Protein backbone atom coordinates (compact mmCIF):
# COMPACT_ATOMS: atom_id res chain seq x y z
CA MET A 1 0.78 -1.68 -25.92
CA GLN A 2 4.24 -1.77 -24.78
CA ASP A 3 3.81 1.09 -22.51
CA TYR A 4 1.29 -0.36 -20.78
CA ILE A 5 3.74 -4.29 -20.48
CA SER A 6 6.85 -1.82 -19.41
CA LYS A 7 5.30 0.30 -16.96
CA ALA A 8 3.79 -3.53 -15.07
CA GLN A 9 7.50 -4.82 -15.73
CA THR A 10 8.71 -2.23 -13.36
CA GLN A 11 5.44 -2.25 -11.03
CA VAL A 12 6.72 -4.49 -7.60
CA PHE A 13 4.09 -5.55 -5.36
CA VAL A 14 3.83 -5.91 -1.93
CA SER A 15 1.84 -8.74 -0.05
CA TRP A 16 -0.47 -8.65 3.05
CA PRO A 17 2.24 -10.50 5.74
CA ARG A 18 4.68 -7.83 4.25
CA VAL A 19 2.32 -5.07 4.51
CA LEU A 20 1.88 -6.41 8.18
CA GLU A 21 5.58 -5.91 8.84
CA GLU A 22 6.03 -2.75 7.49
CA VAL A 23 3.01 -0.69 9.39
CA ASP A 24 2.87 -2.89 12.20
CA VAL A 25 -0.43 -2.74 13.12
CA PRO A 26 -3.62 -5.14 12.95
CA LYS A 27 -5.11 -6.81 9.78
CA SER A 28 -8.53 -4.97 10.76
CA THR A 29 -6.49 -1.37 11.72
CA VAL A 30 -5.30 -1.75 7.72
CA TYR A 31 -9.29 -2.71 6.32
CA ASP A 32 -10.35 0.11 8.01
CA TRP A 33 -7.70 2.74 7.16
CA ILE A 34 -8.31 0.98 3.14
CA LYS A 35 -12.50 1.95 4.16
CA ARG A 36 -11.72 5.31 5.28
CA GLY A 37 -9.49 6.21 2.39
CA ILE A 38 -6.44 7.10 4.73
CA PHE A 39 -4.18 3.81 3.14
CA PRO A 40 -3.65 2.57 -0.38
CA ARG A 41 -5.95 -0.10 -2.04
CA PRO A 42 -4.69 -3.54 -2.64
CA ILE A 43 -4.89 -4.50 -6.41
CA GLN A 44 -6.53 -7.92 -7.45
CA LEU A 45 -3.59 -10.60 -8.98
CA GLY A 46 -5.97 -13.05 -9.25
CA PRO A 47 -9.08 -14.69 -7.98
CA ARG A 48 -7.65 -15.31 -4.97
CA ARG A 49 -4.95 -13.46 -4.31
CA VAL A 50 -3.82 -9.23 -3.88
CA ALA A 51 -1.08 -7.19 -3.55
CA PHE A 52 -0.13 -3.73 -2.90
CA CYS A 53 1.65 -1.65 -5.11
CA ARG A 54 5.15 -0.45 -3.55
CA ASP A 55 4.95 2.84 -5.04
CA GLN A 56 1.66 3.61 -3.04
CA LEU A 57 2.93 2.28 -0.36
CA GLU A 58 6.52 4.46 0.70
CA ALA A 59 4.16 7.00 -0.73
CA TRP A 60 1.68 6.39 2.44
CA LYS A 61 4.49 6.48 4.43
CA SER A 62 6.55 9.09 3.70
CA HIS A 63 3.30 11.14 4.03
CA ARG A 64 2.97 9.62 8.08
CA ALA A 65 6.45 10.43 8.68
CA ALA A 66 5.88 13.89 7.45
CA ALA A 67 2.53 14.86 9.47
CA ALA A 68 4.37 12.77 12.25
CA LYS A 69 6.94 15.45 11.99
CA GLY A 70 4.88 18.31 12.05
CA GLY A 71 2.83 16.92 14.52
CA PHE A 72 -0.58 14.58 15.26
CA LYS A 73 -3.94 16.76 14.49
């Protein structure tokens, strides 16, 4: 139980508005990417609240940046 609590305390969540600001695409595009499995899925925090894990978003952005350096195919 303690392990679960310590991991939860270090996890940072990012709201939809912040995600959209960071990726600079419409929400419908992000939904499409999630559906296609190329963008991290949001986590349900409550009945009407979802957010994204900061670590997963950073990994996604790093992957996209590396792909851009190699050229888009």
